[in-house]
């Protein structure tokens, strides 16, 4: 795993893809949990998308996989917290 052999633009592009993927995962989680009629099947869709993204990134490059996972995970966490607080405000 040589982090220096990968161009900076590849790291930035991977981080942007990770951010977009994290937002997509947050939206799926919101629709799976925070709606009046929860759609539990979206958990399966979320899992398949996450697994496919990890496999594809692992085939491309391990350093880029790390960047993707960190960016997507942080975005997913922040997005979920935002949706959670918004749902709590609407419930009051």
PDB file of N, CA and C in Angstrom:
ATOM      1  N   UNK A   1       0.848  -1.174   0.000  1.00  0.00           N
ATOM      2  CA  UNK A   1       0.000   0.000   0.000  1.00  0.00           C
ATOM      3  C   UNK A   1       0.891   1.234   0.000  1.00  0.00           C
ATOM      4  N   UNK A   2       0.997   1.872  -1.124  1.00  0.00           N
ATOM      5  CA  UNK A   2       1.825   3.065  -1.247  1.00  0.00           C
ATOM      6  C   UNK A   2       0.919   4.265  -1.487  1.00  0.00           C
ATOM      7  N   UNK A   3       0.731   5.059  -0.437  1.00  0.00           N
ATOM      8  CA  UNK A   3      -0.151   6.215  -0.530  1.00  0.00           C
ATOM      9  C   UNK A   3       0.413   7.300  -1.442  1.00  0.00           C
ATOM     10  N   UNK A   4       1.723   7.385  -1.542  1.00  0.00           N
ATOM     11  CA  UNK A   4       2.350   8.457  -2.313  1.00  0.00           C
ATOM     12  C   UNK A   4       2.265   8.229  -3.818  1.00  0.00           C
ATOM     13  N   UNK A   5       2.051   6.993  -4.248  1.00  0.00           N
ATOM     14  CA  UNK A   5       2.032   6.732  -5.685  1.00  0.00           C
ATOM     15  C   UNK A   5       0.712   7.121  -6.353  1.00  0.00           C
ATOM     16  N   UNK A   6      -0.272   7.502  -5.565  1.00  0.00           N
ATOM     17  CA  UNK A   6      -1.580   7.879  -6.112  1.00  0.00           C
ATOM     18  C   UNK A   6      -1.665   9.399  -6.173  1.00  0.00           C
ATOM     19  N   UNK A   7      -2.150   9.910  -7.282  1.00  0.00           N
ATOM     20  CA  UNK A   7      -2.238  11.353  -7.488  1.00  0.00           C
ATOM     21  C   UNK A   7      -3.247  11.982  -6.527  1.00  0.00           C
ATOM     22  N   UNK A   8      -2.993  13.227  -6.180  1.00  0.00           N
ATOM     23  CA  UNK A   8      -3.860  13.954  -5.264  1.00  0.00           C
ATOM     24  C   UNK A   8      -5.278  14.077  -5.813  1.00  0.00           C
ATOM     25  N   UNK A   9      -5.408  14.270  -7.128  1.00  0.00           N
ATOM     26  CA  UNK A   9      -6.745  14.401  -7.710  1.00  0.00           C
ATOM     27  C   UNK A   9      -7.556  13.116  -7.528  1.00  0.00           C
ATOM     28  N   UNK A  10      -6.880  11.962  -7.506  1.00  0.00           N
ATOM     29  CA  UNK A  10      -7.602  10.704  -7.298  1.00  0.00           C
ATOM     30  C   UNK A  10      -8.151  10.630  -5.876  1.00  0.00           C
ATOM     31  N   UNK A  11      -7.372  11.107  -4.912  1.00  0.00           N
ATOM     32  CA  UNK A  11      -7.858  11.150  -3.533  1.00  0.00           C
ATOM     33  C   UNK A  11      -9.050  12.089  -3.401  1.00  0.00           C
ATOM     34  N   UNK A  12      -8.949  13.260  -4.023  1.00  0.00           N
ATOM     35  CA  UNK A  12     -10.034  14.238  -3.954  1.00  0.00           C
ATOM     36  C   UNK A  12     -11.301  13.711  -4.635  1.00  0.00           C
ATOM     37  N   UNK A  13     -11.154  13.101  -5.787  1.00  0.00           N
ATOM     38  CA  UNK A  13     -12.297  12.547  -6.497  1.00  0.00           C
ATOM     39  C   UNK A  13     -12.944  11.419  -5.690  1.00  0.00           C
ATOM     40  N   UNK A  14     -12.127  10.594  -5.071  1.00  0.00           N
ATOM     41  CA  UNK A  14     -12.649   9.515  -4.233  1.00  0.00           C
ATOM     42  C   UNK A  14     -13.366  10.068  -3.016  1.00  0.00           C
ATOM     43  N   UNK A  15     -12.834  11.131  -2.423  1.00  0.00           N
ATOM     44  CA  UNK A  15     -13.496  11.751  -1.280  1.00  0.00           C
ATOM     45  C   UNK A  15     -14.852  12.332  -1.679  1.00  0.00           C
ATOM     46  N   UNK A  16     -14.927  12.938  -2.848  1.00  0.00           N
ATOM     47  CA  UNK A  16     -16.205  13.481  -3.332  1.00  0.00           C
ATOM     48  C   UNK A  16     -17.203  12.350  -3.570  1.00  0.00           C
ATOM     49  N   UNK A  17     -16.747  11.257  -4.186  1.00  0.00           N
ATOM     50  CA  UNK A  17     -17.626  10.096  -4.375  1.00  0.00           C
ATOM     51  C   UNK A  17     -18.078   9.542  -3.026  1.00  0.00           C
ATOM     52  N   UNK A  18     -17.179   9.522  -2.054  1.00  0.00           N
ATOM     53  CA  UNK A  18     -17.534   9.055  -0.713  1.00  0.00           C
ATOM     54  C   UNK A  18     -18.574   9.946  -0.068  1.00  0.00           C
ATOM     55  N   UNK A  19     -18.426  11.255  -0.237  1.00  0.00           N
ATOM     56  CA  UNK A  19     -19.417  12.192   0.311  1.00  0.00           C
ATOM     57  C   UNK A  19     -20.780  11.980  -0.335  1.00  0.00           C
ATOM     58  N   UNK A  20     -20.794  11.844  -1.646  1.00  0.00           N
ATOM     59  CA  UNK A  20     -22.067  11.607  -2.351  1.00  0.00           C
ATOM     60  C   UNK A  20     -22.694  10.285  -1.924  1.00  0.00           C
ATOM     61  N   UNK A  21     -21.871   9.269  -1.774  1.00  0.00           N
ATOM     62  CA  UNK A  21     -22.380   7.971  -1.361  1.00  0.00           C
ATOM     63  C   UNK A  21     -22.911   8.028   0.071  1.00  0.00           C
ATOM     64  N   UNK A  22     -22.242   8.784   0.933  1.00  0.00           N
ATOM     65  CA  UNK A  22     -22.726   8.957   2.302  1.00  0.00           C
ATOM     66  C   UNK A  22     -24.072   9.659   2.347  1.00  0.00           C
ATOM     67  N   UNK A  23     -24.252  10.662   1.492  1.00  0.00           N
ATOM     68  CA  UNK A  23     -25.538  11.350   1.414  1.00  0.00           C
ATOM     69  C   UNK A  23     -26.625  10.386   0.932  1.00  0.00           C
ATOM     70  N   UNK A  24     -26.315   9.585  -0.081  1.00  0.00           N
ATOM     71  CA  UNK A  24     -27.273   8.585  -0.579  1.00  0.00           C
ATOM     72  C   UNK A  24     -27.642   7.597   0.529  1.00  0.00           C
ATOM     73  N   UNK A  25     -26.659   7.141   1.279  1.00  0.00           N
ATOM     74  CA  UNK A  25     -26.919   6.209   2.376  1.00  0.00           C
ATOM     75  C   UNK A  25     -27.775   6.864   3.462  1.00  0.00           C
ATOM     76  N   UNK A  26     -27.527   8.133   3.753  1.00  0.00           N
ATOM     77  CA  UNK A  26     -28.338   8.854   4.752  1.00  0.00           C
ATOM     78  C   UNK A  26     -29.786   8.978   4.308  1.00  0.00           C
ATOM     79  N   UNK A  27     -29.986   9.271   3.032  1.00  0.00           N
ATOM     80  CA  UNK A  27     -31.348   9.394   2.512  1.00  0.00           C
ATOM     81  C   UNK A  27     -32.067   8.044   2.560  1.00  0.00           C
ATOM     82  N   UNK A  28     -31.361   6.980   2.195  1.00  0.00           N
ATOM     83  CA  UNK A  28     -31.960   5.646   2.288  1.00  0.00           C
ATOM     84  C   UNK A  28     -32.319   5.300   3.726  1.00  0.00           C
ATOM     85  N   UNK A  29     -31.438   5.631   4.648  1.00  0.00           N
ATOM     86  CA  UNK A  29     -31.700   5.361   6.059  1.00  0.00           C
ATOM     87  C   UNK A  29     -32.878   6.187   6.567  1.00  0.00           C
ATOM     88  N   UNK A  30     -32.963   7.424   6.110  1.00  0.00           N
ATOM     89  CA  UNK A  30     -34.091   8.273   6.499  1.00  0.00           C
ATOM     90  C   UNK A  30     -35.414   7.659   6.042  1.00  0.00           C
ATOM     91  N   UNK A  31     -35.460   7.206   4.812  1.00  0.00           N
ATOM     92  CA  UNK A  31     -36.686   6.608   4.289  1.00  0.00           C
ATOM     93  C   UNK A  31     -36.977   5.247   4.917  1.00  0.00           C
ATOM     94  N   UNK A  32     -35.941   4.578   5.379  1.00  0.00           N
ATOM     95  CA  UNK A  32     -36.146   3.276   6.018  1.00  0.00           C
ATOM     96  C   UNK A  32     -36.649   3.414   7.443  1.00  0.00           C
ATOM     97  N   UNK A  33     -36.306   4.501   8.116  1.00  0.00           N
ATOM     98  CA  UNK A  33     -36.604   4.614   9.544  1.00  0.00           C
ATOM     99  C   UNK A  33     -37.571   5.744   9.873  1.00  0.00           C
ATOM    100  N   UNK A  34     -37.332   6.935   9.358  1.00  0.00           N
ATOM    101  CA  UNK A  34     -38.008   8.129   9.841  1.00  0.00           C
ATOM    102  C   UNK A  34     -39.273   8.515   9.091  1.00  0.00           C
ATOM    103  N   UNK A  35     -39.853   7.623   8.345  1.00  0.00           N
ATOM    104  CA  UNK A  35     -41.110   7.934   7.669  1.00  0.00           C
ATOM    105  C   UNK A  35     -42.270   7.343   8.464  1.00  0.00           C
ATOM    106  N   UNK A  36     -43.481   7.756   8.129  1.00  0.00           N
ATOM    107  CA  UNK A  36     -44.649   7.239   8.855  1.00  0.00           C
ATOM    108  C   UNK A  36     -44.813   5.742   8.644  1.00  0.00           C
ATOM    109  N   UNK A  37     -44.524   5.286   7.456  1.00  0.00           N
ATOM    110  CA  UNK A  37     -44.555   3.851   7.165  1.00  0.00           C
ATOM    111  C   UNK A  37     -43.127   3.423   6.815  1.00  0.00           C
ATOM    112  N   UNK A  38     -42.363   2.929   7.799  1.00  0.00           N
ATOM    113  CA  UNK A  38     -40.968   2.547   7.532  1.00  0.00           C
ATOM    114  C   UNK A  38     -40.862   1.476   6.451  1.00  0.00           C
ATOM    115  N   UNK A  39     -39.885   1.638   5.614  1.00  0.00           N
ATOM    116  CA  UNK A  39     -39.634   0.690   4.523  1.00  0.00           C
ATOM    117  C   UNK A  39     -38.402  -0.130   4.890  1.00  0.00           C
ATOM    118  N   UNK A  40     -38.623  -1.243   5.544  1.00  0.00           N
ATOM    119  CA  UNK A  40     -37.525  -2.075   6.042  1.00  0.00           C
ATOM    120  C   UNK A  40     -36.703  -2.688   4.912  1.00  0.00           C
ATOM    121  N   UNK A  41     -37.287  -2.849   3.734  1.00  0.00           N
ATOM    122  CA  UNK A  41     -36.552  -3.437   2.622  1.00  0.00           C
ATOM    123  C   UNK A  41     -35.406  -2.546   2.156  1.00  0.00           C
ATOM    124  N   UNK A  42     -35.454  -1.249   2.526  1.00  0.00           N
ATOM    125  CA  UNK A  42     -34.362  -0.353   2.148  1.00  0.00           C
ATOM    126  C   UNK A  42     -33.056  -0.694   2.867  1.00  0.00           C
ATOM    127  N   UNK A  43     -33.153  -1.397   4.013  1.00  0.00           N
ATOM    128  CA  UNK A  43     -31.931  -1.854   4.678  1.00  0.00           C
ATOM    129  C   UNK A  43     -31.155  -2.798   3.758  1.00  0.00           C
ATOM    130  N   UNK A  44     -31.876  -3.682   3.080  1.00  0.00           N
ATOM    131  CA  UNK A  44     -31.228  -4.598   2.138  1.00  0.00           C
ATOM    132  C   UNK A  44     -30.587  -3.871   0.972  1.00  0.00           C
ATOM    133  N   UNK A  45     -31.296  -2.873   0.445  1.00  0.00           N
ATOM    134  CA  UNK A  45     -30.754  -2.070  -0.657  1.00  0.00           C
ATOM    135  C   UNK A  45     -29.496  -1.338  -0.194  1.00  0.00           C
ATOM    136  N   UNK A  46     -29.565  -0.770   0.994  1.00  0.00           N
ATOM    137  CA  UNK A  46     -28.424  -0.046   1.560  1.00  0.00           C
ATOM    138  C   UNK A  46     -27.227  -0.978   1.734  1.00  0.00           C
ATOM    139  N   UNK A  47     -27.476  -2.180   2.233  1.00  0.00           N
ATOM    140  CA  UNK A  47     -26.395  -3.139   2.445  1.00  0.00           C
ATOM    141  C   UNK A  47     -25.761  -3.561   1.123  1.00  0.00           C
ATOM    142  N   UNK A  48     -26.576  -3.852   0.123  1.00  0.00           N
ATOM    143  CA  UNK A  48     -26.048  -4.281  -1.179  1.00  0.00           C
ATOM    144  C   UNK A  48     -25.237  -3.161  -1.822  1.00  0.00           C
ATOM    145  N   UNK A  49     -25.732  -1.929  -1.763  1.00  0.00           N
ATOM    146  CA  UNK A  49     -24.983  -0.796  -2.328  1.00  0.00           C
ATOM    147  C   UNK A  49     -23.652  -0.605  -1.618  1.00  0.00           C
ATOM    148  N   UNK A  50     -23.671  -0.715  -0.285  1.00  0.00           N
ATOM    149  CA  UNK A  50     -22.448  -0.529   0.498  1.00  0.00           C
ATOM    150  C   UNK A  50     -21.439  -1.633   0.165  1.00  0.00           C
ATOM    151  N   UNK A  51     -21.897  -2.879   0.102  1.00  0.00           N
ATOM    152  CA  UNK A  51     -21.003  -3.988  -0.204  1.00  0.00           C
ATOM    153  C   UNK A  51     -20.422  -3.860  -1.611  1.00  0.00           C
ATOM    154  N   UNK A  52     -21.250  -3.476  -2.575  1.00  0.00           N
ATOM    155  CA  UNK A  52     -20.772  -3.310  -3.946  1.00  0.00           C
ATOM    156  C   UNK A  52     -19.743  -2.190  -4.044  1.00  0.00           C
ATOM    157  N   UNK A  53     -19.991  -1.090  -3.355  1.00  0.00           N
ATOM    158  CA  UNK A  53     -19.042   0.021  -3.384  1.00  0.00           C
ATOM    159  C   UNK A  53     -17.710  -0.379  -2.760  1.00  0.00           C
ATOM    160  N   UNK A  54     -17.755  -1.127  -1.664  1.00  0.00           N
ATOM    161  CA  UNK A  54     -16.518  -1.560  -1.021  1.00  0.00           C
ATOM    162  C   UNK A  54     -15.725  -2.515  -1.909  1.00  0.00           C
ATOM    163  N   UNK A  55     -16.406  -3.435  -2.550  1.00  0.00           N
ATOM    164  CA  UNK A  55     -15.710  -4.378  -3.425  1.00  0.00           C
ATOM    165  C   UNK A  55     -15.083  -3.648  -4.608  1.00  0.00           C
ATOM    166  N   UNK A  56     -15.827  -2.741  -5.217  1.00  0.00           N
ATOM    167  CA  UNK A  56     -15.301  -1.999  -6.366  1.00  0.00           C
ATOM    168  C   UNK A  56     -14.101  -1.155  -5.960  1.00  0.00           C
ATOM    169  N   UNK A  57     -14.195  -0.457  -4.846  1.00  0.00           N
ATOM    170  CA  UNK A  57     -13.071   0.369  -4.401  1.00  0.00           C
ATOM    171  C   UNK A  57     -11.871  -0.483  -4.006  1.00  0.00           C
ATOM    172  N   UNK A  58     -12.099  -1.653  -3.428  1.00  0.00           N
ATOM    173  CA  UNK A  58     -10.992  -2.538  -3.064  1.00  0.00           C
ATOM    174  C   UNK A  58     -10.273  -3.059  -4.307  1.00  0.00           C
ATOM    175  N   UNK A  59     -11.026  -3.268  -5.376  1.00  0.00           N
ATOM    176  CA  UNK A  59     -10.402  -3.699  -6.624  1.00  0.00           C
ATOM    177  C   UNK A  59      -9.599  -2.583  -7.274  1.00  0.00           C
ATOM    178  N   UNK A  60     -10.014  -1.343  -7.060  1.00  0.00           N
ATOM    179  CA  UNK A  60      -9.309  -0.209  -7.653  1.00  0.00           C
ATOM    180  C   UNK A  60      -8.013   0.056  -6.895  1.00  0.00           C
ATOM    181  N   UNK A  61      -8.126   0.290  -5.577  1.00  0.00           N
ATOM    182  CA  UNK A  61      -6.937   0.622  -4.788  1.00  0.00           C
ATOM    183  C   UNK A  61      -7.292   0.616  -3.306  1.00  0.00           C
ATOM    184  N   UNK A  62      -6.434   0.040  -2.488  1.00  0.00           N
ATOM    185  CA  UNK A  62      -6.689   0.028  -1.048  1.00  0.00           C
ATOM    186  C   UNK A  62      -6.593   1.413  -0.404  1.00  0.00           C
ATOM    187  N   UNK A  63      -5.616   2.249  -0.760  1.00  0.00           N
ATOM    188  CA  UNK A  63      -5.618   3.602  -0.193  1.00  0.00           C
ATOM    189  C   UNK A  63      -6.875   4.395  -0.561  1.00  0.00           C
ATOM    190  N   UNK A  64      -7.349   4.231  -1.791  1.00  0.00           N
ATOM    191  CA  UNK A  64      -8.574   4.926  -2.184  1.00  0.00           C
ATOM    192  C   UNK A  64      -9.784   4.342  -1.463  1.00  0.00           C
ATOM    193  N   UNK A  65      -9.758   3.061  -1.170  1.00  0.00           N
ATOM    194  CA  UNK A  65     -10.823   2.441  -0.381  1.00  0.00           C
ATOM    195  C   UNK A  65     -10.906   3.083   0.994  1.00  0.00           C
ATOM    196  N   UNK A  66      -9.763   3.317   1.607  1.00  0.00           N
ATOM    197  CA  UNK A  66      -9.746   3.939   2.935  1.00  0.00           C
ATOM    198  C   UNK A  66     -10.338   5.343   2.884  1.00  0.00           C
ATOM    199  N   UNK A  67      -9.953   6.119   1.880  1.00  0.00           N
ATOM    200  CA  UNK A  67     -10.489   7.476   1.725  1.00  0.00           C
ATOM    201  C   UNK A  67     -11.995   7.426   1.507  1.00  0.00           C
ATOM    202  N   UNK A  68     -12.445   6.522   0.653  1.00  0.00           N
ATOM    203  CA  UNK A  68     -13.871   6.391   0.364  1.00  0.00           C
ATOM    204  C   UNK A  68     -14.654   6.023   1.619  1.00  0.00           C
ATOM    205  N   UNK A  69     -14.178   5.045   2.364  1.00  0.00           N
ATOM    206  CA  UNK A  69     -14.883   4.592   3.562  1.00  0.00           C
ATOM    207  C   UNK A  69     -14.952   5.697   4.608  1.00  0.00           C
ATOM    208  N   UNK A  70     -13.866   6.404   4.818  1.00  0.00           N
ATOM    209  CA  UNK A  70     -13.870   7.484   5.807  1.00  0.00           C
ATOM    210  C   UNK A  70     -14.833   8.588   5.398  1.00  0.00           C
ATOM    211  N   UNK A  71     -14.772   9.019   4.147  1.00  0.00           N
ATOM    212  CA  UNK A  71     -15.659  10.093   3.682  1.00  0.00           C
ATOM    213  C   UNK A  71     -17.123   9.667   3.733  1.00  0.00           C
ATOM    214  N   UNK A  72     -17.423   8.458   3.275  1.00  0.00           N
ATOM    215  CA  UNK A  72     -18.812   7.992   3.265  1.00  0.00           C
ATOM    216  C   UNK A  72     -19.336   7.782   4.685  1.00  0.00           C
ATOM    217  N   UNK A  73     -18.509   7.255   5.569  1.00  0.00           N
ATOM    218  CA  UNK A  73     -18.956   6.998   6.946  1.00  0.00           C
ATOM    219  C   UNK A  73     -19.226   8.290   7.708  1.00  0.00           C
ATOM    220  N   UNK A  74     -18.324   9.252   7.580  1.00  0.00           N
ATOM    221  CA  UNK A  74     -18.525  10.530   8.272  1.00  0.00           C
ATOM    222  C   UNK A  74     -19.769  11.233   7.750  1.00  0.00           C
ATOM    223  N   UNK A  75     -19.955  11.229   6.431  1.00  0.00           N
ATOM    224  CA  UNK A  75     -21.141  11.857   5.851  1.00  0.00           C
ATOM    225  C   UNK A  75     -22.412  11.135   6.283  1.00  0.00           C
ATOM    226  N   UNK A  76     -22.383   9.815   6.322  1.00  0.00           N
ATOM    227  CA  UNK A  76     -23.536   9.040   6.773  1.00  0.00           C
ATOM    228  C   UNK A  76     -23.878   9.376   8.222  1.00  0.00           C
ATOM    229  N   UNK A  77     -22.879   9.451   9.071  1.00  0.00           N
ATOM    230  CA  UNK A  77     -23.128   9.775  10.480  1.00  0.00           C
ATOM    231  C   UNK A  77     -23.715  11.175  10.640  1.00  0.00           C
ATOM    232  N   UNK A  78     -23.106  12.169  10.000  1.00  0.00           N
ATOM    233  CA  UNK A  78     -23.617  13.537  10.115  1.00  0.00           C
ATOM    234  C   UNK A  78     -25.008  13.667   9.494  1.00  0.00           C
ATOM    235  N   UNK A  79     -25.214  13.037   8.358  1.00  0.00           N
ATOM    236  CA  UNK A  79     -26.530  13.090   7.723  1.00  0.00           C
ATOM    237  C   UNK A  79     -27.597  12.438   8.573  1.00  0.00           C
ATOM    238  N   UNK A  80     -27.260  11.320   9.192  1.00  0.00           N
ATOM    239  CA  UNK A  80     -28.225  10.638  10.050  1.00  0.00           C
ATOM    240  C   UNK A  80     -28.565  11.461  11.282  1.00  0.00           C
ATOM    241  N   UNK A  81     -27.568  12.122  11.854  1.00  0.00           N
ATOM    242  CA  UNK A  81     -27.819  12.979  13.019  1.00  0.00           C
ATOM    243  C   UNK A  81     -28.729  14.140  12.632  1.00  0.00           C
ATOM    244  N   UNK A  82     -28.484  14.733  11.481  1.00  0.00           N
ATOM    245  CA  UNK A  82     -29.326  15.842  11.022  1.00  0.00           C
ATOM    246  C   UNK A  82     -30.766  15.374  10.821  1.00  0.00           C
ATOM    247  N   UNK A  83     -30.946  14.232  10.142  1.00  0.00           N
ATOM    248  CA  UNK A  83     -32.298  13.709   9.921  1.00  0.00           C
ATOM    249  C   UNK A  83     -32.969  13.325  11.239  1.00  0.00           C
ATOM    250  N   UNK A  84     -32.199  12.794  12.196  1.00  0.00           N
ATOM    251  CA  UNK A  84     -32.748  12.413  13.498  1.00  0.00           C
ATOM    252  C   UNK A  84     -33.261  13.634  14.251  1.00  0.00           C
ATOM    253  N   UNK A  85     -32.451  14.696  14.292  1.00  0.00           N
ATOM    254  CA  UNK A  85     -32.888  15.914  14.987  1.00  0.00           C
ATOM    255  C   UNK A  85     -34.090  16.552  14.295  1.00  0.00           C
ATOM    256  N   UNK A  86     -34.103  16.510  12.986  1.00  0.00           N
ATOM    257  CA  UNK A  86     -35.243  17.054  12.242  1.00  0.00           C
ATOM    258  C   UNK A  86     -36.515  16.248  12.536  1.00  0.00           C
ATOM    259  N   UNK A  87     -36.399  14.930  12.612  1.00  0.00           N
ATOM    260  CA  UNK A  87     -37.565  14.092  12.919  1.00  0.00           C
ATOM    261  C   UNK A  87     -38.057  14.328  14.343  1.00  0.00           C
ATOM    262  N   UNK A  88     -37.136  14.562  15.272  1.00  0.00           N
ATOM    263  CA  UNK A  88     -37.535  14.829  16.642  1.00  0.00           C
ATOM    264  C   UNK A  88     -38.251  16.171  16.762  1.00  0.00           C
ATOM    265  N   UNK A  89     -37.797  17.177  16.020  1.00  0.00           N
ATOM    266  CA  UNK A  89     -38.459  18.481  16.039  1.00  0.00           C
ATOM    267  C   UNK A  89     -39.868  18.373  15.458  1.00  0.00           C
ATOM    268  N   UNK A  90     -40.028  17.588  14.405  1.00  0.00           N
ATOM    269  CA  UNK A  90     -41.356  17.420  13.804  1.00  0.00           C
ATOM    270  C   UNK A  90     -42.279  16.626  14.698  1.00  0.00           C
ATOM    271  N   UNK A  91     -41.733  15.762  15.541  1.00  0.00           N
ATOM    272  CA  UNK A  91     -42.561  14.945  16.431  1.00  0.00           C
ATOM    273  C   UNK A  91     -43.111  15.759  17.603  1.00  0.00           C
ATOM    274  N   UNK A  92     -42.484  16.863  17.914  1.00  0.00           N
ATOM    275  CA  UNK A  92     -42.929  17.698  19.047  1.00  0.00           C
ATOM    276  C   UNK A  92     -44.087  18.543  18.727  1.00  0.00           C
TER     277      UNK A  92
END
